Protein backbone atom coordinates (compact mmCIF):
# COMPACT_ATOMS: atom_id res chain seq x y z
CA MET A 1 -19.79 12.08 27.60
CA SER A 2 -23.06 12.97 28.38
CA SER A 3 -25.62 11.72 25.87
CA VAL A 4 -27.55 13.83 23.40
CA SER A 5 -31.33 13.02 23.45
CA GLN A 6 -32.41 12.15 20.11
CA SER A 7 -35.60 14.33 20.54
CA ARG A 8 -33.22 17.29 21.14
CA PRO A 9 -31.50 18.67 17.66
CA TRP A 10 -27.78 19.17 17.90
CA ASP A 11 -26.83 22.30 18.85
CA VAL A 12 -23.24 23.54 17.73
CA HIS A 13 -23.49 26.45 20.48
CA ARG A 14 -24.11 23.96 23.34
CA LEU A 15 -21.82 20.75 23.07
CA PRO A 16 -22.05 17.75 25.66
CA SER A 17 -19.32 17.57 28.43
CA ALA A 18 -16.25 15.81 27.21
CA GLU A 19 -14.53 15.84 30.72
CA GLY A 20 -11.85 13.00 31.15
CA ARG A 21 -11.37 12.71 27.23
CA THR A 22 -8.35 13.58 25.37
CA PHE A 23 -8.48 14.90 21.92
CA LEU A 24 -5.48 15.43 19.15
CA VAL A 25 -6.02 18.33 16.46
CA THR A 26 -3.43 18.23 13.64
CA GLY A 27 -2.74 21.62 12.43
CA GLY A 28 -4.74 22.85 15.58
CA ASN A 29 -2.78 26.31 15.72
CA ALA A 30 -4.93 27.94 12.68
CA GLY A 31 -7.90 27.66 10.50
CA ILE A 32 -10.55 25.10 10.74
CA GLY A 33 -8.34 23.41 12.86
CA TYR A 34 -8.26 26.41 15.33
CA PHE A 35 -11.60 26.71 15.62
CA VAL A 36 -12.25 22.61 15.98
CA ALA A 37 -9.73 22.88 19.25
CA GLU A 38 -11.31 25.95 20.69
CA GLN A 39 -14.79 24.44 20.35
CA LEU A 40 -13.79 21.17 21.86
CA ALA A 41 -11.74 23.10 24.96
CA GLY A 42 -15.18 24.28 25.69
CA THR A 43 -16.57 20.80 26.29
CA GLY A 44 -13.90 20.31 29.30
CA ALA A 45 -11.45 17.96 27.30
CA VAL A 46 -8.00 17.81 27.05
CA VAL A 47 -7.08 19.25 23.50
CA VAL A 48 -3.85 18.46 22.11
CA LEU A 49 -2.21 20.98 19.32
CA GLY A 50 -0.47 19.02 17.00
CA SER A 51 1.87 21.53 15.00
CA ARG A 52 5.19 21.83 13.91
CA ASP A 53 5.68 25.43 14.73
CA PRO A 54 6.00 25.93 18.74
CA ALA A 55 5.34 29.64 18.59
CA LYS A 56 2.40 29.57 16.70
CA ALA A 57 0.99 26.51 18.87
CA ASP A 58 1.49 28.69 21.77
CA ALA A 59 -0.08 31.54 20.72
CA ALA A 60 -3.21 29.30 19.90
CA ALA A 61 -3.43 27.52 23.15
CA ALA A 62 -3.12 31.48 24.63
CA THR A 63 -6.21 32.78 22.52
CA ILE A 64 -7.98 29.44 23.38
CA ARG A 65 -7.35 29.89 27.14
CA MET A 66 -8.44 33.53 26.98
CA ARG A 67 -11.76 32.74 25.35
CA VAL A 68 -12.53 29.41 27.33
CA PRO A 69 -12.01 29.87 30.91
CA GLY A 70 -10.26 26.73 32.46
CA ALA A 71 -9.34 25.34 29.07
CA ARG A 72 -7.04 22.52 29.10
CA VAL A 73 -4.76 22.92 26.06
CA GLN A 74 -1.24 21.01 24.99
CA HIS A 75 1.05 21.10 22.35
CA LEU A 76 2.55 18.15 20.26
CA ARG A 77 5.31 19.14 18.14
CA LEU A 78 3.85 17.18 14.86
CA ASP A 79 5.50 17.49 11.41
CA LEU A 80 3.74 15.33 8.74
CA ALA A 81 5.60 15.97 6.16
CA ASP A 82 8.33 14.20 7.93
CA LEU A 83 7.32 10.78 8.02
CA PRO A 84 10.42 9.15 10.29
CA SER A 85 9.59 11.82 12.94
CA LEU A 86 5.95 10.55 13.55
CA GLU A 87 6.66 7.65 15.69
CA ALA A 88 8.90 9.54 17.95
CA ALA A 89 6.43 12.49 18.01
CA VAL A 90 3.53 10.03 19.50
CA GLY A 91 6.00 9.04 21.98
CA GLU A 92 5.94 12.49 23.44
CA LEU A 93 2.20 12.01 24.05
CA ASP A 94 1.57 12.07 27.78
CA VAL A 95 -1.62 9.91 27.91
CA ASP A 96 -2.36 6.38 28.55
CA ARG A 97 -5.40 6.79 25.69
CA LEU A 98 -6.47 8.92 23.21
CA ASP A 99 -10.24 9.56 22.34
CA ALA A 100 -10.19 10.96 19.24
CA VAL A 101 -7.54 12.19 16.70
CA VAL A 102 -8.84 14.93 14.09
CA HIS A 103 -6.71 14.68 10.72
CA ASN A 104 -7.08 18.38 10.14
CA ALA A 105 -3.44 19.97 8.77
CA GLY A 106 -2.81 20.24 5.47
CA VAL A 107 -1.08 22.31 2.99
CA ALA A 108 -2.62 24.00 -0.25
CA LEU A 109 -0.82 25.05 -2.84
CA ASP A 110 -2.15 27.47 -5.66
CA ASP A 111 0.95 27.74 -8.34
CA PRO A 112 3.75 25.69 -9.68
CA PRO A 113 6.25 24.73 -8.67
CA ARG A 114 5.88 21.15 -7.90
CA LEU A 115 7.46 20.83 -4.24
CA GLU A 116 8.36 17.57 -2.19
CA THR A 117 8.53 16.75 1.58
CA GLY A 118 12.08 15.53 2.80
CA ASP A 119 11.16 12.49 2.09
CA GLY A 120 10.72 12.81 -1.52
CA HIS A 121 6.88 12.79 -1.68
CA GLU A 122 4.80 15.83 -3.21
CA LEU A 123 4.37 18.12 -0.55
CA MET A 124 0.44 18.22 -0.97
CA PHE A 125 0.21 14.40 -0.99
CA GLY A 126 2.88 13.39 1.31
CA THR A 127 1.49 15.48 4.32
CA ASN A 128 -2.33 15.76 3.48
CA HIS A 129 -2.59 12.03 3.16
CA LEU A 130 0.47 10.00 3.76
CA GLY A 131 1.36 12.08 7.07
CA HIS A 132 -2.12 11.41 8.92
CA PHE A 133 -1.81 7.70 7.16
CA ALA A 134 1.29 6.92 8.99
CA LEU A 135 0.14 8.96 11.93
CA THR A 136 -3.06 6.60 12.21
CA ARG A 137 -0.56 3.84 12.80
CA TRP A 138 1.36 5.22 15.68
CA LEU A 139 -1.74 6.64 17.25
CA ALA A 140 -3.46 3.09 16.99
CA PRO A 141 -2.56 2.03 20.64
CA LEU A 142 -3.37 5.09 22.16
CA LEU A 143 -6.57 4.92 20.33
CA SER A 144 -7.42 1.36 21.10
CA ALA A 145 -6.89 1.73 24.64
CA ALA A 146 -9.98 4.25 24.78
CA PRO A 147 -13.22 2.94 24.93
CA ALA A 148 -15.04 4.18 22.19
CA ALA A 149 -12.39 6.18 20.03
CA ARG A 150 -12.39 7.88 16.68
CA VAL A 151 -10.52 9.09 13.85
CA VAL A 152 -12.00 12.08 11.95
CA THR A 153 -10.74 12.80 8.91
CA VAL A 154 -11.33 16.63 7.43
CA GLY A 155 -11.84 16.45 3.92
CA SER A 156 -12.86 19.02 1.43
CA PHE A 157 -15.63 20.01 -1.05
CA ALA A 158 -12.53 20.43 -3.57
CA ALA A 159 -12.55 16.49 -3.54
CA ARG A 160 -16.04 16.01 -5.23
CA SER A 161 -14.46 16.83 -8.66
CA GLU A 162 -11.67 14.91 -8.29
CA ARG A 163 -10.45 11.28 -9.09
CA LEU A 164 -7.51 9.40 -7.99
CA ASP A 165 -5.19 8.96 -10.45
CA LEU A 166 -3.17 5.66 -8.32
CA ASP A 167 -0.56 5.43 -11.15
CA ASP A 168 0.85 8.85 -10.71
CA PRO A 169 -0.66 9.34 -7.21
CA GLN A 170 2.22 12.02 -6.68
CA SER A 171 1.59 14.28 -9.91
CA ARG A 172 4.79 13.60 -11.16
CA ARG A 173 4.07 13.18 -14.64
CA ASP A 174 1.18 15.96 -14.91
CA TYR A 175 1.25 18.58 -11.89
CA ARG A 176 -1.53 21.19 -11.64
CA PRO A 177 -1.75 22.34 -8.18
CA LYS A 178 -5.32 22.65 -7.64
CA ARG A 179 -6.08 19.42 -8.87
CA THR A 180 -3.22 18.02 -6.72
CA TYR A 181 -4.72 19.14 -3.91
CA GLY A 182 -8.63 18.24 -4.58
CA ARG A 183 -6.89 14.71 -5.01
CA SER A 184 -4.90 14.70 -1.90
CA LYS A 185 -7.87 15.32 -0.06
CA LEU A 186 -9.97 12.80 -1.73
CA ALA A 187 -7.26 10.17 -0.92
CA GLN A 188 -7.86 11.58 2.71
CA MET A 189 -11.34 11.00 2.58
CA SER A 190 -11.17 7.74 0.70
CA PHE A 191 -8.82 6.71 3.36
CA GLY A 192 -11.20 7.26 6.18
CA PHE A 193 -13.92 5.29 4.70
CA GLU A 194 -11.64 2.39 4.12
CA LEU A 195 -10.31 2.66 7.65
CA ASP A 196 -13.22 2.05 9.06
CA ARG A 197 -14.31 -0.90 6.85
CA ARG A 198 -10.96 -2.59 8.21
CA LEU A 199 -11.78 -1.33 11.81
CA ARG A 200 -15.48 -2.91 11.53
CA ALA A 201 -13.81 -6.34 10.11
CA ALA A 202 -11.25 -6.50 12.56
CA GLY A 203 -13.85 -6.27 15.35
CA SER A 204 -12.35 -2.86 16.79
CA THR A 205 -14.15 -0.42 18.84
CA VAL A 206 -12.50 2.54 17.09
CA LEU A 207 -14.63 4.56 14.87
CA SER A 208 -13.42 6.42 11.63
CA VAL A 209 -15.48 9.18 10.55
CA VAL A 210 -15.07 11.68 7.79
CA ALA A 211 -16.39 15.64 8.03
CA HIS A 212 -15.67 18.50 5.62
CA PRO A 213 -16.35 22.16 6.54
CA GLY A 214 -18.13 23.05 3.20
CA GLY A 215 -16.91 26.96 1.70
CA ALA A 216 -15.13 28.16 4.85
CA LEU A 217 -13.27 31.62 4.10
CA ASP A 218 -10.78 33.54 6.14
CA SER A 219 -12.78 36.80 5.65
CA LEU A 220 -16.14 35.30 7.03
CA THR A 221 -14.47 34.30 10.10
CA PRO A 222 -14.15 35.86 13.14
CA SER A 223 -10.99 37.58 14.75
CA ARG A 224 -9.09 35.59 17.12
CA PRO A 225 -5.88 37.48 17.48
CA PRO A 226 -3.00 36.96 16.89
CA VAL A 227 -4.22 33.79 15.41
CA HIS A 228 -6.21 35.20 13.02
CA VAL A 229 -7.19 38.81 12.35
CA ALA A 230 -10.34 40.09 10.32
CA GLY A 231 -10.50 43.47 9.07
CA PRO A 232 -13.58 44.92 9.12
CA GLY A 233 -13.18 46.02 5.15
CA ALA A 234 -12.75 42.58 4.26
CA ARG A 235 -15.41 41.16 6.38
CA LEU A 236 -17.85 43.99 4.58
CA ARG A 237 -16.77 42.78 0.99
CA ALA A 238 -17.27 39.21 2.00
CA ALA A 239 -20.78 39.71 3.19
CA PRO A 240 -22.73 38.54 0.06
CA ALA A 241 -20.40 35.50 -0.20
CA GLY A 242 -21.98 34.64 3.62
CA LEU A 243 -25.25 33.71 1.52
CA LEU A 244 -23.47 30.80 -0.02
CA VAL A 245 -20.69 30.03 2.15
CA GLN A 246 -19.39 30.63 5.88
CA GLY A 247 -16.35 31.27 8.26
CA LYS A 248 -13.91 28.85 9.47
CA ASP A 249 -15.81 28.82 12.88
CA ALA A 250 -19.07 27.26 11.42
CA GLY A 251 -16.71 25.05 8.97
CA ALA A 252 -15.42 23.66 12.32
CA TRP A 253 -18.97 22.30 13.37
CA PRO A 254 -19.42 18.99 11.27
CA VAL A 255 -16.02 18.25 12.63
CA VAL A 256 -16.83 18.61 15.96
CA ARG A 257 -19.74 17.04 15.68
CA ALA A 258 -18.36 14.12 14.39
CA VAL A 259 -15.87 13.84 17.40
CA LEU A 260 -18.82 14.37 20.17
CA ASP A 261 -22.17 13.26 18.88
CA PRO A 262 -22.71 9.54 19.97
CA GLU A 263 -25.29 9.32 17.47
CA VAL A 264 -22.32 9.39 14.88
CA ALA A 265 -21.54 6.00 13.44
CA GLY A 266 -18.22 4.89 11.67
CA GLY A 267 -18.35 5.19 7.73
CA GLN A 268 -20.33 8.35 7.85
CA LEU A 269 -19.60 11.85 6.16
CA TRP A 270 -20.64 14.77 7.75
CA GLY A 271 -20.70 18.51 6.40
CA PRO A 272 -22.56 21.75 6.31
CA ARG A 273 -26.42 21.48 5.75
CA VAL A 274 -27.26 24.04 3.03
CA PHE A 275 -26.17 22.30 -0.23
CA GLY A 276 -22.77 21.12 1.58
CA LEU A 277 -21.33 24.43 1.67
CA ARG A 278 -22.62 26.47 4.93
CA GLY A 279 -24.92 25.84 8.25
CA ALA A 280 -25.38 23.71 10.94
CA PRO A 281 -23.91 19.84 10.62
CA ARG A 282 -25.59 17.08 8.84
CA ARG A 283 -24.90 13.51 7.77
CA GLU A 284 -24.53 13.55 3.81
CA PRO A 285 -24.64 10.29 1.41
CA VAL A 286 -20.97 9.29 0.37
CA PRO A 287 -20.07 9.95 -3.14
CA ALA A 288 -19.58 6.91 -5.15
CA HIS A 289 -16.21 7.57 -5.88
CA MET A 290 -15.29 8.01 -2.40
CA ALA A 291 -16.83 4.77 -1.63
CA ASP A 292 -15.24 2.87 -4.36
CA ARG A 293 -13.71 0.09 -2.41
CA ALA A 294 -11.36 -1.37 -5.12
CA VAL A 295 -9.82 2.32 -5.34
CA ALA A 296 -9.39 2.46 -1.58
CA ALA A 297 -7.93 -0.66 -1.46
CA ARG A 298 -5.50 0.03 -3.98
CA LEU A 299 -4.66 3.46 -2.44
CA TRP A 300 -4.18 1.62 0.77
CA ALA A 301 -1.46 -0.61 -0.49
CA VAL A 302 0.19 2.22 -2.40
CA SER A 303 0.20 4.26 0.87
CA SER A 304 1.55 1.28 3.16
CA ALA A 305 4.35 1.26 -0.02
CA LEU A 306 5.21 4.56 0.36
CA THR A 307 5.08 4.93 4.00
CA GLY A 308 6.73 1.63 5.28
CA VAL A 309 3.60 1.14 7.57
CA ASP A 310 -0.07 -0.30 7.85
CA PRO A 311 -2.24 1.99 10.18
CA LEU A 312 -3.83 -1.64 11.42
CA LEU A 313 -0.94 -4.23 11.04
CA GLY A 314 1.30 -2.72 13.66
CA ARG A 315 4.18 -2.52 11.20
């Protein structure tokens, strides 16, 4: 990948080459993940769409190829809600190294009832956090084989107002969908920061970076049929909101920068420039509750017990 000069500002429309590199984007068939994959495909990299739905992944890959001539896009069947399947899924990756994984896929529920994965975990916590926690373990050898790989965790603005309850991590006693979603994203972000601390302590060349899309609305997102179709009426009605938030294409910018920019360091948080809600990507200070090492260490222990694996211990 070509270096970006410190004297030239990062340009979201002129990304550096990533020819010869391979990136995995979980949930790359829709939403933020689709636009991350589309933008990364334009750098010359091989982009693997991690998706449990082959038809949706095929549609996304075809759309990317139509917009990015020569794009090299593949599909990996990946179900983060099915923890026992992840080791075999990673075994299907036909690569000898992985230059970055974007932990993007997620579930967001607005209403009860509380749902569980097949493994008995609350669906949002189990998919958004535990699935990526376990996936990191199985990807570890491929990431370590790359000269400077990155784990990029996609967080959410919703995590800022939440706090983890590690006595009830799966919301068995008090389930409120929006709060549970926010906590699942906070768990992801806390894990991303703790992962980097442990990677540094182990002397690893792999970096862990956290990014978030700010306020990203479907109604402000450009059409990518059949992946996403934005009607003119919906876009017109949403236009005033564009003063504060943005579409999912722009929401992908901080994530893409976290993957590509050689100036990005492990343990950093990246988000949109304007109030953390919209605009070009910039580095943000890490909120204190996300940087709490004691909470993160306890979350790691709880997650390891629930998944049966440890991302850095090889079990």
